[in-house]
Amino acid sequence: MAQQVPYTQLSLAPTQQTQGGQQMRQHQQPLHHQQQQPQYQTLQQHLQQPQQLQPQQTQQQQLQQQQQEPARPNFQIALLPPPQDRLYPTFDALLTDVKTFTRSQGYAVVIVSSLNRDPQGNYRRYNLCCSKGGKSYTSHSKGIRQARSTKTGCPMRLKAVQEKAYPYEDKWHVVVQCAEHNHEPFTGEPGANVPSQFRKIEQDGIRWLMIMHREAQCTLRQLTIGIRISFGDKYQYVKKGDVRNALAKIKREEERKAAAEAAAQGLPENSTYTLLPPQHQPPPPPPPLQPIEQMPLLPPDMQVPDPDLESDDGDDEP
């Protein structure tokens, strides 16, 4: 008679087998992974190598760009501001004196805005700042020239005000709002970038260029050297391009005036010519010393009709 096996023993047997099978598989899997693990690690390292080189290359490129580009200073310099104890009769006199003083200190000022008009429409206040500050302009040009802005965000600010109260008595004076700079002063060393304000030619220089260019017929190089010598330190940083631009500006203004005069005389706006003033017109030609004999008229039978007066729509043409 067959021995009956308890249900618990029968139920435990497959669990033992399954556990054993699972244990065998668990023992086999690590061996299989251990054999393939070195290959996976080497492949992973191989894939990670270029990823590790890319940041190094970008860092090297950034370092090279930083070495090529001049570093922007990040400090504050207390250059002497314009004096505030001077009174000026006009704003032009104030601006001329302020530009002369700031030039001696190695920086330049520019007009930012104007406000507070009087009943006549004249401004009574001008806001000025350092040429290295003010509104920045970002160029999106993709041309050949790699132009870079020279502005450093300089905080230097001042204002020119005309006040009627005592002790100003309707005169102009300077009020310095911030006297600190974040850039080095311009010392005029060779190779340094000259501020454009130091190369600007004013009315006295333009008048001199007009005379020497038209009367003396000087070349561009001679004009550049001559304006540097004639005006001392005022135009010592002027370049040939500045002289060329000044001459072109003179020509444009003269053409504009000539067009306005021509329009006043009744000439068309798009005319290619203008009229000389009467005082500059050449004298009329003198009369001939001997009377000029005119050609006698031909007889009627020898006269030939003018072909320009004939019509081309003839009936005899095919």
C-alpha atoms as a PDB file:
ATOM      1  CA  MET A   1       0.000   0.000   0.000  1.00  0.00           C
ATOM      2  CA  ALA A   2       1.489   3.237  -1.046  1.00  0.00           C
ATOM      3  CA  GLN A   3       2.549   5.604   1.671  1.00  0.00           C
ATOM      4  CA  GLN A   4       0.665   8.821   1.597  1.00  0.00           C
ATOM      5  CA  VAL A   5       2.847  11.851   1.524  1.00  0.00           C
ATOM      6  CA  PRO A   6       1.592  14.815   3.472  1.00  0.00           C
ATOM      7  CA  TYR A   7       0.380  17.767   1.469  1.00  0.00           C
ATOM      8  CA  THR A   8       2.867  19.970   3.156  1.00  0.00           C
ATOM      9  CA  GLN A   9       5.806  17.896   1.967  1.00  0.00           C
ATOM     10  CA  LEU A  10       4.473  17.748  -1.545  1.00  0.00           C
ATOM     11  CA  SER A  11       3.952  21.464  -1.544  1.00  0.00           C
ATOM     12  CA  LEU A  12       7.409  22.179  -0.212  1.00  0.00           C
ATOM     13  CA  ALA A  13       9.211  20.102  -2.798  1.00  0.00           C
ATOM     14  CA  PRO A  14       8.563  22.332  -5.752  1.00  0.00           C
ATOM     15  CA  THR A  15       9.393  25.368  -3.665  1.00  0.00           C
ATOM     16  CA  GLN A  16      12.719  23.864  -2.864  1.00  0.00           C
ATOM     17  CA  GLN A  17      13.273  23.086  -6.493  1.00  0.00           C
ATOM     18  CA  THR A  18      12.255  26.540  -7.552  1.00  0.00           C
ATOM     19  CA  GLN A  19      14.357  28.095  -4.871  1.00  0.00           C
ATOM     20  CA  GLY A  20      17.219  25.935  -5.949  1.00  0.00           C
ATOM     21  CA  GLY A  21      16.674  26.851  -9.558  1.00  0.00           C
ATOM     22  CA  GLN A  22      16.508  30.471  -8.632  1.00  0.00           C
ATOM     23  CA  GLN A  23      19.600  30.107  -6.532  1.00  0.00           C
ATOM     24  CA  MET A  24      21.374  28.423  -9.406  1.00  0.00           C
ATOM     25  CA  ARG A  25      20.326  31.175 -11.705  1.00  0.00           C
ATOM     26  CA  GLN A  26      21.389  33.767  -9.187  1.00  0.00           C
ATOM     27  CA  HIS A  27      24.768  32.077  -8.988  1.00  0.00           C
ATOM     28  CA  GLN A  28      25.038  31.873 -12.740  1.00  0.00           C
ATOM     29  CA  GLN A  29      24.032  35.448 -13.442  1.00  0.00           C
ATOM     30  CA  PRO A  30      26.898  37.092 -11.581  1.00  0.00           C
ATOM     31  CA  LEU A  31      29.346  34.909 -13.433  1.00  0.00           C
ATOM     32  CA  HIS A  32      27.841  35.943 -16.711  1.00  0.00           C
ATOM     33  CA  HIS A  33      27.882  39.602 -15.695  1.00  0.00           C
ATOM     34  CA  GLN A  34      31.400  39.323 -14.392  1.00  0.00           C
ATOM     35  CA  GLN A  35      32.578  38.130 -17.772  1.00  0.00           C
ATOM     36  CA  GLN A  36      30.886  40.976 -19.665  1.00  0.00           C
ATOM     37  CA  GLN A  37      31.446  43.718 -17.076  1.00  0.00           C
ATOM     38  CA  PRO A  38      34.992  44.617 -18.146  1.00  0.00           C
ATOM     39  CA  GLN A  39      33.838  45.010 -21.737  1.00  0.00           C
ATOM     40  CA  TYR A  40      30.938  47.250 -20.646  1.00  0.00           C
ATOM     41  CA  GLN A  41      33.199  49.368 -18.473  1.00  0.00           C
ATOM     42  CA  THR A  42      35.761  49.816 -21.200  1.00  0.00           C
ATOM     43  CA  LEU A  43      33.037  50.729 -23.703  1.00  0.00           C
ATOM     44  CA  GLN A  44      31.513  53.189 -21.254  1.00  0.00           C
ATOM     45  CA  GLN A  45      34.904  54.743 -20.610  1.00  0.00           C
ATOM     46  CA  HIS A  46      35.486  54.951 -24.341  1.00  0.00           C
ATOM     47  CA  LEU A  47      32.176  56.744 -24.808  1.00  0.00           C
ATOM     48  CA  GLN A  48      32.860  59.111 -21.920  1.00  0.00           C
ATOM     49  CA  GLN A  49      36.324  60.143 -23.132  1.00  0.00           C
ATOM     50  CA  PRO A  50      35.187  62.658 -25.793  1.00  0.00           C
ATOM     51  CA  GLN A  51      32.631  64.074 -23.338  1.00  0.00           C
ATOM     52  CA  GLN A  52      35.441  64.772 -20.917  1.00  0.00           C
ATOM     53  CA  LEU A  53      37.583  66.397 -23.612  1.00  0.00           C
ATOM     54  CA  GLN A  54      34.897  68.816 -24.789  1.00  0.00           C
ATOM     55  CA  PRO A  55      34.852  70.953 -21.605  1.00  0.00           C
ATOM     56  CA  GLN A  56      38.644  71.079 -21.682  1.00  0.00           C
ATOM     57  CA  GLN A  57      38.609  72.298 -25.281  1.00  0.00           C
ATOM     58  CA  THR A  58      35.976  74.933 -24.534  1.00  0.00           C
ATOM     59  CA  GLN A  59      37.971  76.136 -21.535  1.00  0.00           C
ATOM     60  CA  GLN A  60      41.089  76.441 -23.681  1.00  0.00           C
ATOM     61  CA  GLN A  61      39.166  78.403 -26.310  1.00  0.00           C
ATOM     62  CA  GLN A  62      37.776  80.735 -23.651  1.00  0.00           C
ATOM     63  CA  LEU A  63      41.264  81.300 -22.257  1.00  0.00           C
ATOM     64  CA  GLN A  64      42.591  82.105 -25.729  1.00  0.00           C
ATOM     65  CA  GLN A  65      39.751  84.579 -26.347  1.00  0.00           C
ATOM     66  CA  GLN A  66      40.382  86.241 -23.000  1.00  0.00           C
ATOM     67  CA  GLN A  67      44.072  86.564 -23.810  1.00  0.00           C
ATOM     68  CA  GLN A  68      43.324  88.098 -27.212  1.00  0.00           C
ATOM     69  CA  GLU A  69      40.696  90.569 -25.946  1.00  0.00           C
ATOM     70  CA  PRO A  70      41.864  93.317 -23.589  1.00  0.00           C
ATOM     71  CA  ALA A  71      40.573  92.793 -20.085  1.00  0.00           C
ATOM     72  CA  ARG A  72      37.990  95.315 -18.892  1.00  0.00           C
ATOM     73  CA  PRO A  73      39.074  97.032 -15.687  1.00  0.00           C
ATOM     74  CA  ASN A  74      36.908  96.509 -12.626  1.00  0.00           C
ATOM     75  CA  PHE A  75      38.073  99.236 -10.290  1.00  0.00           C
ATOM     76  CA  GLN A  76      37.309 102.847  -9.431  1.00  0.00           C
ATOM     77  CA  ILE A  77      39.591 105.812 -10.018  1.00  0.00           C
ATOM     78  CA  ALA A  78      38.929 109.241  -8.540  1.00  0.00           C
ATOM     79  CA  LEU A  79      40.068 111.450 -11.423  1.00  0.00           C
ATOM     80  CA  LEU A  80      39.635 115.139 -10.768  1.00  0.00           C
ATOM     81  CA  PRO A  81      36.149 116.330 -11.783  1.00  0.00           C
ATOM     82  CA  PRO A  82      35.534 119.731 -13.399  1.00  0.00           C
ATOM     83  CA  PRO A  83      35.577 122.637 -10.925  1.00  0.00           C
ATOM     84  CA  GLN A  84      32.189 123.628  -9.526  1.00  0.00           C
ATOM     85  CA  ASP A  85      33.048 127.176  -8.421  1.00  0.00           C
ATOM     86  CA  ARG A  86      33.106 128.745 -11.896  1.00  0.00           C
ATOM     87  CA  LEU A  87      30.279 130.733 -13.486  1.00  0.00           C
ATOM     88  CA  TYR A  88      29.876 130.951 -17.267  1.00  0.00           C
ATOM     89  CA  PRO A  89      27.775 133.387 -19.321  1.00  0.00           C
ATOM     90  CA  THR A  90      26.738 130.726 -21.886  1.00  0.00           C
ATOM     91  CA  PHE A  91      26.601 126.965 -22.130  1.00  0.00           C
ATOM     92  CA  ASP A  92      29.085 126.954 -25.011  1.00  0.00           C
ATOM     93  CA  ALA A  93      31.674 128.665 -22.812  1.00  0.00           C
ATOM     94  CA  LEU A  94      31.008 126.123 -20.056  1.00  0.00           C
ATOM     95  CA  LEU A  95      31.320 123.159 -22.418  1.00  0.00           C
ATOM     96  CA  THR A  96      34.571 124.443 -23.912  1.00  0.00           C
ATOM     97  CA  ASP A  97      36.151 124.929 -20.492  1.00  0.00           C
ATOM     98  CA  VAL A  98      34.922 121.543 -19.211  1.00  0.00           C
ATOM     99  CA  LYS A  99      36.303 119.742 -22.263  1.00  0.00           C
ATOM    100  CA  THR A 100      39.660 121.437 -21.830  1.00  0.00           C
ATOM    101  CA  PHE A 101      39.827 120.445 -18.162  1.00  0.00           C
ATOM    102  CA  THR A 102      38.733 116.829 -18.684  1.00  0.00           C
ATOM    103  CA  ARG A 103      41.196 116.462 -21.546  1.00  0.00           C
ATOM    104  CA  SER A 104      44.028 117.384 -19.187  1.00  0.00           C
ATOM    105  CA  GLN A 105      42.821 114.627 -16.824  1.00  0.00           C
ATOM    106  CA  GLY A 106      42.709 111.952 -19.536  1.00  0.00           C
ATOM    107  CA  TYR A 107      38.982 111.531 -20.134  1.00  0.00           C
ATOM    108  CA  ALA A 108      36.214 113.196 -22.132  1.00  0.00           C
ATOM    109  CA  VAL A 109      32.583 114.125 -21.487  1.00  0.00           C
ATOM    110  CA  VAL A 110      29.578 113.950 -23.799  1.00  0.00           C
ATOM    111  CA  ILE A 111      26.035 115.338 -23.636  1.00  0.00           C
ATOM    112  CA  VAL A 112      23.454 112.720 -22.670  1.00  0.00           C
ATOM    113  CA  SER A 113      20.223 114.739 -22.572  1.00  0.00           C
ATOM    114  CA  SER A 114      18.827 118.266 -22.273  1.00  0.00           C
ATOM    115  CA  LEU A 115      15.725 119.554 -20.499  1.00  0.00           C
ATOM    116  CA  ASN A 116      14.036 122.518 -18.741  1.00  0.00           C
ATOM    117  CA  ARG A 117      13.273 124.909 -21.581  1.00  0.00           C
ATOM    118  CA  ASP A 118      12.561 128.570 -21.017  1.00  0.00           C
ATOM    119  CA  PRO A 119       9.744 130.493 -22.802  1.00  0.00           C
ATOM    120  CA  GLN A 120      12.099 131.221 -25.713  1.00  0.00           C
ATOM    121  CA  GLY A 121      12.737 127.488 -26.227  1.00  0.00           C
ATOM    122  CA  ASN A 122      16.317 127.459 -24.928  1.00  0.00           C
ATOM    123  CA  TYR A 123      17.464 124.675 -22.634  1.00  0.00           C
ATOM    124  CA  ARG A 124      18.480 125.527 -19.066  1.00  0.00           C
ATOM    125  CA  ARG A 125      19.993 122.176 -18.111  1.00  0.00           C
ATOM    126  CA  TYR A 126      22.248 119.612 -19.812  1.00  0.00           C
ATOM    127  CA  ASN A 127      23.163 116.191 -18.438  1.00  0.00           C
ATOM    128  CA  LEU A 128      26.705 115.070 -19.226  1.00  0.00           C
ATOM    129  CA  CYS A 129      28.650 111.882 -18.551  1.00  0.00           C
ATOM    130  CA  CYS A 130      32.015 110.289 -19.256  1.00  0.00           C
ATOM    131  CA  SER A 131      32.549 109.083 -22.814  1.00  0.00           C
ATOM    132  CA  LYS A 132      33.142 105.562 -21.429  1.00  0.00           C
ATOM    133  CA  GLY A 133      29.656 105.515 -19.883  1.00  0.00           C
ATOM    134  CA  GLY A 134      26.187 106.422 -21.025  1.00  0.00           C
ATOM    135  CA  LYS A 135      23.914 104.320 -23.165  1.00  0.00           C
ATOM    136  CA  SER A 136      25.594 101.264 -24.634  1.00  0.00           C
ATOM    137  CA  TYR A 137      24.989 100.171 -28.219  1.00  0.00           C
ATOM    138  CA  THR A 138      25.149  96.512 -29.244  1.00  0.00           C
ATOM    139  CA  SER A 139      26.062  96.087 -32.893  1.00  0.00           C
ATOM    140  CA  HIS A 140      24.548  93.119 -34.743  1.00  0.00           C
ATOM    141  CA  SER A 141      26.590  93.647 -37.889  1.00  0.00           C
ATOM    142  CA  LYS A 142      28.267  90.616 -39.457  1.00  0.00           C
ATOM    143  CA  GLY A 143      30.722  92.543 -41.597  1.00  0.00           C
ATOM    144  CA  ILE A 144      34.456  92.108 -41.969  1.00  0.00           C
ATOM    145  CA  ARG A 145      35.369  94.643 -39.291  1.00  0.00           C
ATOM    146  CA  GLN A 146      35.376  93.195 -35.788  1.00  0.00           C
ATOM    147  CA  ALA A 147      34.385  96.398 -33.997  1.00  0.00           C
ATOM    148  CA  ARG A 148      34.187  96.334 -30.222  1.00  0.00           C
ATOM    149  CA  SER A 149      32.593  98.938 -28.003  1.00  0.00           C
ATOM    150  CA  THR A 150      34.959 100.988 -25.852  1.00  0.00           C
ATOM    151  CA  LYS A 151      32.308 101.769 -23.228  1.00  0.00           C
ATOM    152  CA  THR A 152      32.921 100.360 -19.752  1.00  0.00           C
ATOM    153  CA  GLY A 153      29.783 101.594 -17.991  1.00  0.00           C
ATOM    154  CA  CYS A 154      31.607 104.469 -16.296  1.00  0.00           C
ATOM    155  CA  PRO A 155      29.417 105.951 -13.511  1.00  0.00           C
ATOM    156  CA  MET A 156      30.836 109.490 -13.773  1.00  0.00           C
ATOM    157  CA  ARG A 157      27.968 112.025 -14.100  1.00  0.00           C
ATOM    158  CA  LEU A 158      27.565 115.800 -14.000  1.00  0.00           C
ATOM    159  CA  LYS A 159      25.062 118.434 -15.055  1.00  0.00           C
ATOM    160  CA  ALA A 160      25.265 121.981 -16.367  1.00  0.00           C
ATOM    161  CA  VAL A 161      22.533 124.227 -14.955  1.00  0.00           C
ATOM    162  CA  GLN A 162      21.505 127.829 -15.583  1.00  0.00           C
ATOM    163  CA  GLU A 163      19.966 129.319 -12.427  1.00  0.00           C
ATOM    164  CA  LYS A 164      18.470 132.760 -11.884  1.00  0.00           C
ATOM    165  CA  ALA A 165      18.722 132.862  -8.081  1.00  0.00           C
ATOM    166  CA  TYR A 166      21.545 134.513  -6.176  1.00  0.00           C
ATOM    167  CA  PRO A 167      24.555 134.038  -6.390  1.00  0.00           C
ATOM    168  CA  TYR A 168      24.315 132.569  -9.912  1.00  0.00           C
ATOM    169  CA  GLU A 169      22.417 135.496 -11.466  1.00  0.00           C
ATOM    170  CA  ASP A 170      21.245 133.637 -14.569  1.00  0.00           C
ATOM    171  CA  LYS A 171      24.650 132.098 -15.306  1.00  0.00           C
ATOM    172  CA  TRP A 172      25.762 128.539 -15.949  1.00  0.00           C
ATOM    173  CA  HIS A 173      27.625 126.357 -13.469  1.00  0.00           C
ATOM    174  CA  VAL A 174      28.652 122.697 -13.079  1.00  0.00           C
ATOM    175  CA  VAL A 175      27.195 120.256 -10.531  1.00  0.00           C
ATOM    176  CA  VAL A 176      29.148 116.974 -10.204  1.00  0.00           C
ATOM    177  CA  GLN A 177      26.849 114.059  -9.353  1.00  0.00           C
ATOM    178  CA  CYS A 178      29.459 111.253  -9.408  1.00  0.00           C
ATOM    179  CA  ALA A 179      33.214 111.772  -9.748  1.00  0.00           C
ATOM    180  CA  GLU A 180      34.412 108.143  -9.898  1.00  0.00           C
ATOM    181  CA  HIS A 181      35.587 106.295 -13.008  1.00  0.00           C
ATOM    182  CA  ASN A 182      36.058 102.580 -13.688  1.00  0.00           C
ATOM    183  CA  HIS A 183      38.716 102.894 -16.394  1.00  0.00           C
ATOM    184  CA  GLU A 184      42.252 104.129 -16.704  1.00  0.00           C
ATOM    185  CA  PRO A 185      42.878 107.651 -18.018  1.00  0.00           C
ATOM    186  CA  PHE A 186      44.128 108.202 -21.548  1.00  0.00           C
ATOM    187  CA  THR A 187      47.804 109.155 -21.378  1.00  0.00           C
ATOM    188  CA  GLY A 188      48.612 109.416 -25.094  1.00  0.00           C
ATOM    189  CA  GLU A 189      50.932 106.424 -25.178  1.00  0.00           C
ATOM    190  CA  PRO A 190      51.727 105.028 -28.656  1.00  0.00           C
ATOM    191  CA  GLY A 191      49.366 102.248 -29.664  1.00  0.00           C
ATOM    192  CA  ALA A 192      46.565 103.283 -27.294  1.00  0.00           C
ATOM    193  CA  ASN A 193      43.055 103.832 -28.629  1.00  0.00           C
ATOM    194  CA  VAL A 194      42.421 107.570 -28.871  1.00  0.00           C
ATOM    195  CA  PRO A 195      38.910 108.632 -27.774  1.00  0.00           C
ATOM    196  CA  SER A 196      36.860 110.022 -30.629  1.00  0.00           C
ATOM    197  CA  GLN A 197      36.232 113.222 -28.635  1.00  0.00           C
ATOM    198  CA  PHE A 198      39.973 113.994 -28.763  1.00  0.00           C
ATOM    199  CA  ARG A 199      39.925 113.722 -32.574  1.00  0.00           C
ATOM    200  CA  LYS A 200      36.923 115.943 -33.246  1.00  0.00           C
ATOM    201  CA  ILE A 201      37.648 118.965 -35.474  1.00  0.00           C
ATOM    202  CA  GLU A 202      35.769 122.114 -34.462  1.00  0.00           C
ATOM    203  CA  GLN A 203      34.882 125.229 -36.444  1.00  0.00           C
ATOM    204  CA  ASP A 204      38.323 126.826 -36.229  1.00  0.00           C
ATOM    205  CA  GLY A 205      39.955 123.677 -37.601  1.00  0.00           C
ATOM    206  CA  ILE A 206      37.326 123.304 -40.327  1.00  0.00           C
ATOM    207  CA  ARG A 207      37.915 126.897 -41.453  1.00  0.00           C
ATOM    208  CA  TRP A 208      41.666 126.249 -41.586  1.00  0.00           C
ATOM    209  CA  LEU A 209      41.175 123.046 -43.594  1.00  0.00           C
ATOM    210  CA  MET A 210      38.907 124.816 -46.078  1.00  0.00           C
ATOM    211  CA  ILE A 211      41.472 127.538 -46.757  1.00  0.00           C
ATOM    212  CA  MET A 212      44.481 125.230 -47.004  1.00  0.00           C
ATOM    213  CA  HIS A 213      42.662 122.670 -49.144  1.00  0.00           C
ATOM    214  CA  ARG A 214      41.293 125.132 -51.701  1.00  0.00           C
ATOM    215  CA  GLU A 215      43.779 127.968 -51.716  1.00  0.00           C
ATOM    216  CA  ALA A 216      47.034 126.105 -51.048  1.00  0.00           C
ATOM    217  CA  GLN A 217      45.919 122.830 -52.721  1.00  0.00           C
ATOM    218  CA  CYS A 218      47.437 120.745 -49.917  1.00  0.00           C
ATOM    219  CA  THR A 219      47.207 116.969 -49.935  1.00  0.00           C
ATOM    220  CA  LEU A 220      45.529 114.917 -47.229  1.00  0.00           C
ATOM    221  CA  ARG A 221      48.822 114.091 -45.542  1.00  0.00           C
ATOM    222  CA  GLN A 222      49.942 117.731 -45.605  1.00  0.00           C
ATOM    223  CA  LEU A 223      46.631 118.848 -44.122  1.00  0.00           C
ATOM    224  CA  THR A 224      46.887 116.302 -41.301  1.00  0.00           C
ATOM    225  CA  ILE A 225      50.427 117.349 -40.388  1.00  0.00           C
ATOM    226  CA  GLY A 226      49.586 121.041 -40.741  1.00  0.00           C
ATOM    227  CA  ILE A 227      46.540 120.976 -38.459  1.00  0.00           C
ATOM    228  CA  ARG A 228      48.537 119.133 -35.803  1.00  0.00           C
ATOM    229  CA  ILE A 229      51.295 121.751 -35.876  1.00  0.00           C
ATOM    230  CA  SER A 230      49.142 124.868 -36.304  1.00  0.00           C
ATOM    231  CA  PHE A 231      46.847 124.279 -33.308  1.00  0.00           C
ATOM    232  CA  GLY A 232      49.294 122.730 -30.857  1.00  0.00           C
ATOM    233  CA  ASP A 233      47.899 120.083 -28.520  1.00  0.00           C
ATOM    234  CA  LYS A 234      44.285 120.688 -29.535  1.00  0.00           C
ATOM    235  CA  TYR A 235      44.426 118.512 -32.666  1.00  0.00           C
ATOM    236  CA  GLN A 236      47.518 116.425 -31.991  1.00  0.00           C
ATOM    237  CA  TYR A 237      45.545 113.150 -32.220  1.00  0.00           C
ATOM    238  CA  VAL A 238      43.732 113.959 -35.480  1.00  0.00           C
ATOM    239  CA  LYS A 239      44.102 111.279 -38.165  1.00  0.00           C
ATOM    240  CA  LYS A 240      43.837 111.391 -41.930  1.00  0.00           C
ATOM    241  CA  GLY A 241      40.395 109.805 -41.764  1.00  0.00           C
ATOM    242  CA  ASP A 242      39.186 112.652 -39.543  1.00  0.00           C
ATOM    243  CA  VAL A 243      40.457 115.241 -42.034  1.00  0.00           C
ATOM    244  CA  ARG A 244      38.812 113.364 -44.909  1.00  0.00           C
ATOM    245  CA  ASN A 245      35.491 113.252 -43.075  1.00  0.00           C
ATOM    246  CA  ALA A 246      35.712 116.975 -42.268  1.00  0.00           C
ATOM    247  CA  LEU A 247      36.283 117.865 -45.934  1.00  0.00           C
ATOM    248  CA  ALA A 248      33.371 115.650 -46.974  1.00  0.00           C
ATOM    249  CA  LYS A 249      31.168 117.373 -44.407  1.00  0.00           C
ATOM    250  CA  ILE A 250      32.128 120.792 -45.803  1.00  0.00           C
ATOM    251  CA  LYS A 251      31.230 119.642 -49.310  1.00  0.00           C
ATOM    252  CA  ARG A 252      27.855 118.271 -48.200  1.00  0.00           C
ATOM    253  CA  GLU A 253      26.956 121.505 -46.427  1.00  0.00           C
ATOM    254  CA  GLU A 254      27.881 123.592 -49.476  1.00  0.00           C
ATOM    255  CA  GLU A 255      25.807 121.375 -51.759  1.00  0.00           C
ATOM    256  CA  ARG A 256      22.869 121.666 -49.380  1.00  0.00           C
ATOM    257  CA  LYS A 257      23.133 125.460 -49.354  1.00  0.00           C
ATOM    258  CA  ALA A 258      23.427 125.567 -53.140  1.00  0.00           C
ATOM    259  CA  ALA A 259      20.320 123.405 -53.487  1.00  0.00           C
ATOM    260  CA  ALA A 260      18.395 125.708 -51.140  1.00  0.00           C
ATOM    261  CA  GLU A 261      19.462 128.782 -53.138  1.00  0.00           C
ATOM    262  CA  ALA A 262      18.535 127.075 -56.402  1.00  0.00           C
ATOM    263  CA  ALA A 263      15.104 126.247 -55.019  1.00  0.00           C
ATOM    264  CA  ALA A 264      14.682 129.895 -54.009  1.00  0.00           C
ATOM    265  CA  GLN A 265      15.525 130.973 -57.579  1.00  0.00           C
ATOM    266  CA  GLY A 266      12.882 128.702 -59.045  1.00  0.00           C
ATOM    267  CA  LEU A 267      15.073 125.869 -60.301  1.00  0.00           C
ATOM    268  CA  PRO A 268      13.751 122.309 -60.024  1.00  0.00           C
ATOM    269  CA  GLU A 269      14.773 120.351 -56.946  1.00  0.00           C
ATOM    270  CA  ASN A 270      16.320 117.496 -58.943  1.00  0.00           C
ATOM    271  CA  SER A 271      18.306 119.734 -61.279  1.00  0.00           C
ATOM    272  CA  THR A 272      21.874 118.715 -62.020  1.00  0.00           C
ATOM    273  CA  TYR A 273      23.141 122.299 -62.058  1.00  0.00           C
ATOM    274  CA  THR A 274      23.072 125.438 -59.940  1.00  0.00           C
ATOM    275  CA  LEU A 275      23.493 129.130 -60.705  1.00  0.00           C
ATOM    276  CA  LEU A 276      26.526 131.162 -59.750  1.00  0.00           C
ATOM    277  CA  PRO A 277      25.960 134.397 -57.847  1.00  0.00           C
ATOM    278  CA  PRO A 278      26.163 137.493 -60.082  1.00  0.00           C
ATOM    279  CA  GLN A 279      29.360 138.710 -58.426  1.00  0.00           C
ATOM    280  CA  HIS A 280      31.117 135.447 -59.326  1.00  0.00           C
ATOM    281  CA  GLN A 281      29.914 135.148 -62.901  1.00  0.00           C
ATOM    282  CA  PRO A 282      32.548 135.659 -65.635  1.00  0.00           C
ATOM    283  CA  PRO A 283      32.391 138.891 -67.651  1.00  0.00           C
ATOM    284  CA  PRO A 284      30.725 138.762 -71.073  1.00  0.00           C
ATOM    285  CA  PRO A 285      33.050 138.294 -74.077  1.00  0.00           C
ATOM    286  CA  PRO A 286      34.306 141.516 -75.690  1.00  0.00           C
ATOM    287  CA  PRO A 287      32.903 142.518 -79.084  1.00  0.00           C
ATOM    288  CA  PRO A 288      34.958 141.468 -82.148  1.00  0.00           C
ATOM    289  CA  LEU A 289      37.486 143.930 -83.489  1.00  0.00           C
ATOM    290  CA  GLN A 290      36.367 143.405 -87.086  1.00  0.00           C
ATOM    291  CA  PRO A 291      32.818 142.779 -88.280  1.00  0.00           C
ATOM    292  CA  ILE A 292      32.111 139.121 -88.965  1.00  0.00           C
ATOM    293  CA  GLU A 293      30.881 138.346 -92.477  1.00  0.00           C
ATOM    294  CA  GLN A 294      27.967 135.945 -92.605  1.00  0.00           C
ATOM    295  CA  MET A 295      27.525 133.343 -95.323  1.00  0.00           C
ATOM    296  CA  PRO A 296      25.111 134.503 -98.041  1.00  0.00           C
ATOM    297  CA  LEU A 297      21.918 132.547 -98.605  1.00  0.00           C
ATOM    298  CA  LEU A 298      21.876 129.970-101.398  1.00  0.00           C
ATOM    299  CA  PRO A 299      19.541 130.401-104.369  1.00  0.00           C
ATOM    300  CA  PRO A 300      16.225 128.534-104.151  1.00  0.00           C
ATOM    301  CA  ASP A 301      17.205 125.875-106.706  1.00  0.00           C
ATOM    302  CA  MET A 302      20.327 124.926-104.682  1.00  0.00           C
ATOM    303  CA  GLN A 303      18.693 124.703-101.298  1.00  0.00           C
ATOM    304  CA  VAL A 304      18.428 121.154 -99.922  1.00  0.00           C
ATOM    305  CA  PRO A 305      15.607 120.286 -97.501  1.00  0.00           C
ATOM    306  CA  ASP A 306      16.628 119.415 -94.000  1.00  0.00           C
ATOM    307  CA  PRO A 307      16.145 115.655 -93.419  1.00  0.00           C
ATOM    308  CA  ASP A 308      15.439 116.201 -89.729  1.00  0.00           C
ATOM    309  CA  LEU A 309      12.336 118.175 -90.659  1.00  0.00           C
ATOM    310  CA  GLU A 310      10.991 115.440 -92.929  1.00  0.00           C
ATOM    311  CA  SER A 311       8.654 112.708 -91.763  1.00  0.00           C
ATOM    312  CA  ASP A 312       9.736 109.078 -91.811  1.00  0.00           C
ATOM    313  CA  ASP A 313       6.214 107.832 -92.605  1.00  0.00           C
ATOM    314  CA  GLY A 314       6.544 107.974 -96.398  1.00  0.00           C
ATOM    315  CA  ASP A 315       4.093 106.188 -98.683  1.00  0.00           C
ATOM    316  CA  ASP A 316       6.781 105.069-101.115  1.00  0.00           C
ATOM    317  CA  GLU A 317       8.490 102.834 -98.576  1.00  0.00           C
ATOM    318  CA  PRO A 318       7.606  99.124 -98.795  1.00  0.00           C
END
